[in-house]
């Protein structure tokens, strides 16, 4: 375990049990999400590559609109 994680756990251990449980639930959810993300990144990206090619093709054919982030 890293020293930084040990420090976090030490500080969390000083909190009331209810808050510790809330933090633990958040951490477990974050860990599960990270593991799922890592698993997703290890899978072939064929579908993503095809979507990118389609988007580029549509853009080259003038079938797309330029919009700012606040317009999406």
N, C-alpha and C. Protein backbone atom coordinates (compact mmCIF):
# COMPACT_ATOMS: atom_id res chain seq x y z
N UNK A 1 0.86 -1.18 0.00
CA UNK A 1 0.00 0.00 0.00
C UNK A 1 0.90 1.24 0.00
N UNK A 2 0.53 2.22 -0.78
CA UNK A 2 1.34 3.44 -0.85
C UNK A 2 1.20 4.25 0.44
N UNK A 3 2.21 5.08 0.69
CA UNK A 3 2.17 5.90 1.90
C UNK A 3 1.04 6.92 1.83
N UNK A 4 0.74 7.37 0.63
CA UNK A 4 -0.36 8.35 0.47
C UNK A 4 -1.70 7.71 0.81
N UNK A 5 -1.93 6.47 0.36
CA UNK A 5 -3.17 5.77 0.69
C UNK A 5 -3.24 5.49 2.18
N UNK A 6 -2.10 5.12 2.77
CA UNK A 6 -2.08 4.91 4.23
C UNK A 6 -2.48 6.18 4.97
N UNK A 7 -2.00 7.34 4.49
CA UNK A 7 -2.35 8.62 5.12
C UNK A 7 -3.84 8.89 5.00
N UNK A 8 -4.41 8.61 3.83
CA UNK A 8 -5.85 8.82 3.63
C UNK A 8 -6.65 7.93 4.57
N UNK A 9 -6.26 6.68 4.67
CA UNK A 9 -6.98 5.75 5.54
C UNK A 9 -6.84 6.17 7.00
N UNK A 10 -5.65 6.62 7.38
CA UNK A 10 -5.44 7.08 8.75
C UNK A 10 -6.34 8.27 9.07
N UNK A 11 -6.43 9.22 8.14
CA UNK A 11 -7.29 10.38 8.38
C UNK A 11 -8.76 9.99 8.39
N UNK A 12 -9.15 9.11 7.49
CA UNK A 12 -10.54 8.67 7.44
C UNK A 12 -10.92 7.94 8.72
N UNK A 13 -9.98 7.24 9.31
CA UNK A 13 -10.29 6.47 10.52
C UNK A 13 -10.62 7.35 11.71
N UNK A 14 -10.34 8.64 11.62
CA UNK A 14 -10.66 9.55 12.71
C UNK A 14 -12.09 10.09 12.62
N UNK A 15 -12.75 9.81 11.51
CA UNK A 15 -14.11 10.30 11.31
C UNK A 15 -15.12 9.36 11.96
N UNK A 16 -16.35 9.84 12.19
CA UNK A 16 -17.40 8.98 12.73
C UNK A 16 -17.66 7.79 11.79
N UNK A 17 -18.12 6.69 12.35
CA UNK A 17 -18.33 5.45 11.61
C UNK A 17 -19.26 5.64 10.41
N UNK A 18 -20.30 6.45 10.57
CA UNK A 18 -21.24 6.66 9.46
C UNK A 18 -20.54 7.30 8.26
N UNK A 19 -19.68 8.26 8.53
CA UNK A 19 -18.95 8.93 7.45
C UNK A 19 -17.92 7.98 6.86
N UNK A 20 -17.28 7.18 7.70
CA UNK A 20 -16.34 6.18 7.19
C UNK A 20 -17.04 5.23 6.23
N UNK A 21 -18.25 4.81 6.58
CA UNK A 21 -19.00 3.90 5.71
C UNK A 21 -19.35 4.57 4.38
N UNK A 22 -19.71 5.85 4.42
CA UNK A 22 -20.01 6.58 3.19
C UNK A 22 -18.77 6.67 2.31
N UNK A 23 -17.65 6.99 2.91
CA UNK A 23 -16.39 7.07 2.16
C UNK A 23 -16.04 5.71 1.58
N UNK A 24 -16.21 4.66 2.37
CA UNK A 24 -15.90 3.31 1.90
C UNK A 24 -16.76 2.94 0.70
N UNK A 25 -18.04 3.28 0.74
CA UNK A 25 -18.92 3.01 -0.40
C UNK A 25 -18.48 3.77 -1.64
N UNK A 26 -18.09 5.03 -1.46
CA UNK A 26 -17.60 5.83 -2.58
C UNK A 26 -16.33 5.22 -3.17
N UNK A 27 -15.42 4.81 -2.30
CA UNK A 27 -14.17 4.21 -2.76
C UNK A 27 -14.44 2.91 -3.52
N UNK A 28 -15.31 2.07 -2.97
CA UNK A 28 -15.63 0.81 -3.64
C UNK A 28 -16.24 1.05 -5.02
N UNK A 29 -17.10 2.02 -5.12
CA UNK A 29 -17.69 2.36 -6.40
C UNK A 29 -16.63 2.88 -7.37
N UNK A 30 -15.74 3.74 -6.86
CA UNK A 30 -14.66 4.27 -7.71
C UNK A 30 -13.74 3.16 -8.19
N UNK A 31 -13.41 2.23 -7.30
CA UNK A 31 -12.54 1.11 -7.67
C UNK A 31 -13.21 0.25 -8.72
N UNK A 32 -14.49 -0.05 -8.53
CA UNK A 32 -15.22 -0.85 -9.51
C UNK A 32 -15.27 -0.15 -10.87
N UNK A 33 -15.52 1.15 -10.86
CA UNK A 33 -15.54 1.92 -12.10
C UNK A 33 -14.18 1.91 -12.78
N UNK A 34 -13.12 2.04 -12.01
CA UNK A 34 -11.77 2.03 -12.58
C UNK A 34 -11.45 0.67 -13.19
N UNK A 35 -11.82 -0.41 -12.49
CA UNK A 35 -11.57 -1.75 -13.03
C UNK A 35 -12.36 -1.97 -14.32
N UNK A 36 -13.60 -1.51 -14.35
CA UNK A 36 -14.40 -1.62 -15.57
C UNK A 36 -13.80 -0.80 -16.71
N UNK A 37 -13.30 0.38 -16.39
CA UNK A 37 -12.69 1.23 -17.40
C UNK A 37 -11.44 0.56 -17.98
N UNK A 38 -10.60 0.01 -17.08
CA UNK A 38 -9.40 -0.68 -17.53
C UNK A 38 -9.75 -1.87 -18.43
N UNK A 39 -10.79 -2.59 -18.06
CA UNK A 39 -11.24 -3.73 -18.86
C UNK A 39 -11.71 -3.26 -20.24
N UNK A 40 -12.45 -2.16 -20.27
CA UNK A 40 -12.94 -1.61 -21.53
C UNK A 40 -11.77 -1.20 -22.43
N UNK A 41 -10.75 -0.57 -21.86
CA UNK A 41 -9.61 -0.12 -22.65
C UNK A 41 -8.81 -1.29 -23.23
N UNK A 42 -8.89 -2.45 -22.60
CA UNK A 42 -8.15 -3.61 -23.08
C UNK A 42 -8.87 -4.32 -24.23
N UNK A 43 -10.13 -3.99 -24.45
CA UNK A 43 -10.90 -4.65 -25.51
C UNK A 43 -10.57 -4.02 -26.86
N UNK A 44 -10.76 -4.78 -27.92
CA UNK A 44 -10.53 -4.22 -29.26
C UNK A 44 -11.42 -2.99 -29.49
N UNK A 45 -10.87 -2.03 -30.19
CA UNK A 45 -11.58 -0.76 -30.42
C UNK A 45 -12.11 -0.66 -31.85
N UNK A 46 -12.47 -1.80 -32.44
CA UNK A 46 -12.96 -1.82 -33.82
C UNK A 46 -14.18 -0.93 -34.01
N UNK A 47 -15.13 -1.01 -33.11
CA UNK A 47 -16.36 -0.22 -33.24
C UNK A 47 -16.04 1.28 -33.17
N UNK A 48 -15.17 1.65 -32.25
CA UNK A 48 -14.79 3.05 -32.12
C UNK A 48 -14.08 3.54 -33.38
N UNK A 49 -13.21 2.72 -33.94
CA UNK A 49 -12.50 3.09 -35.16
C UNK A 49 -13.48 3.28 -36.32
N UNK A 50 -14.47 2.41 -36.41
CA UNK A 50 -15.48 2.53 -37.47
C UNK A 50 -16.31 3.81 -37.29
N UNK A 51 -16.68 4.13 -36.06
CA UNK A 51 -17.42 5.37 -35.81
C UNK A 51 -16.59 6.59 -36.17
N UNK A 52 -15.30 6.54 -35.88
CA UNK A 52 -14.41 7.66 -36.23
C UNK A 52 -14.33 7.82 -37.74
N UNK A 53 -14.18 6.72 -38.47
CA UNK A 53 -14.13 6.79 -39.94
C UNK A 53 -15.43 7.37 -40.49
N UNK A 54 -16.56 6.95 -39.92
CA UNK A 54 -17.86 7.44 -40.37
C UNK A 54 -17.98 8.95 -40.13
N UNK A 55 -17.53 9.40 -38.96
CA UNK A 55 -17.60 10.82 -38.63
C UNK A 55 -16.73 11.64 -39.57
N UNK A 56 -15.53 11.14 -39.87
CA UNK A 56 -14.65 11.84 -40.79
C UNK A 56 -15.24 11.89 -42.20
N UNK A 57 -15.84 10.78 -42.62
CA UNK A 57 -16.47 10.72 -43.93
C UNK A 57 -17.63 11.72 -44.01
N UNK A 58 -18.46 11.76 -42.98
CA UNK A 58 -19.59 12.70 -42.96
C UNK A 58 -19.10 14.15 -42.97
N UNK A 59 -18.03 14.40 -42.23
CA UNK A 59 -17.48 15.76 -42.19
C UNK A 59 -16.94 16.16 -43.56
N UNK A 60 -16.22 15.24 -44.23
CA UNK A 60 -15.68 15.53 -45.55
C UNK A 60 -16.79 15.78 -46.58
N UNK A 61 -17.94 15.17 -46.37
CA UNK A 61 -19.07 15.32 -47.29
C UNK A 61 -19.98 16.49 -46.91
N UNK A 62 -19.57 17.24 -45.89
CA UNK A 62 -20.34 18.41 -45.47
C UNK A 62 -21.63 18.07 -44.74
N UNK A 63 -21.68 16.91 -44.14
CA UNK A 63 -22.90 16.48 -43.45
C UNK A 63 -22.88 16.77 -41.95
N UNK A 64 -21.93 17.59 -41.51
CA UNK A 64 -21.83 17.91 -40.09
C UNK A 64 -21.96 19.40 -39.87
N UNK A 65 -22.25 19.80 -38.66
CA UNK A 65 -22.37 21.20 -38.28
C UNK A 65 -21.29 21.55 -37.27
N UNK A 66 -20.70 22.72 -37.41
CA UNK A 66 -19.73 23.20 -36.44
C UNK A 66 -20.48 23.85 -35.29
N UNK A 67 -20.21 23.37 -34.06
CA UNK A 67 -20.87 23.92 -32.87
C UNK A 67 -19.86 24.01 -31.75
N UNK A 68 -20.08 24.98 -30.89
CA UNK A 68 -19.25 25.11 -29.69
C UNK A 68 -19.78 24.20 -28.59
N UNK A 69 -19.01 24.03 -27.55
CA UNK A 69 -19.41 23.17 -26.45
C UNK A 69 -20.73 23.61 -25.82
N UNK A 70 -20.97 24.89 -25.75
CA UNK A 70 -22.19 25.40 -25.14
C UNK A 70 -23.41 25.25 -26.04
N UNK A 71 -23.21 24.78 -27.26
CA UNK A 71 -24.31 24.61 -28.20
C UNK A 71 -24.73 23.14 -28.35
N UNK A 72 -24.00 22.28 -27.73
CA UNK A 72 -24.28 20.85 -27.89
C UNK A 72 -25.49 20.47 -27.07
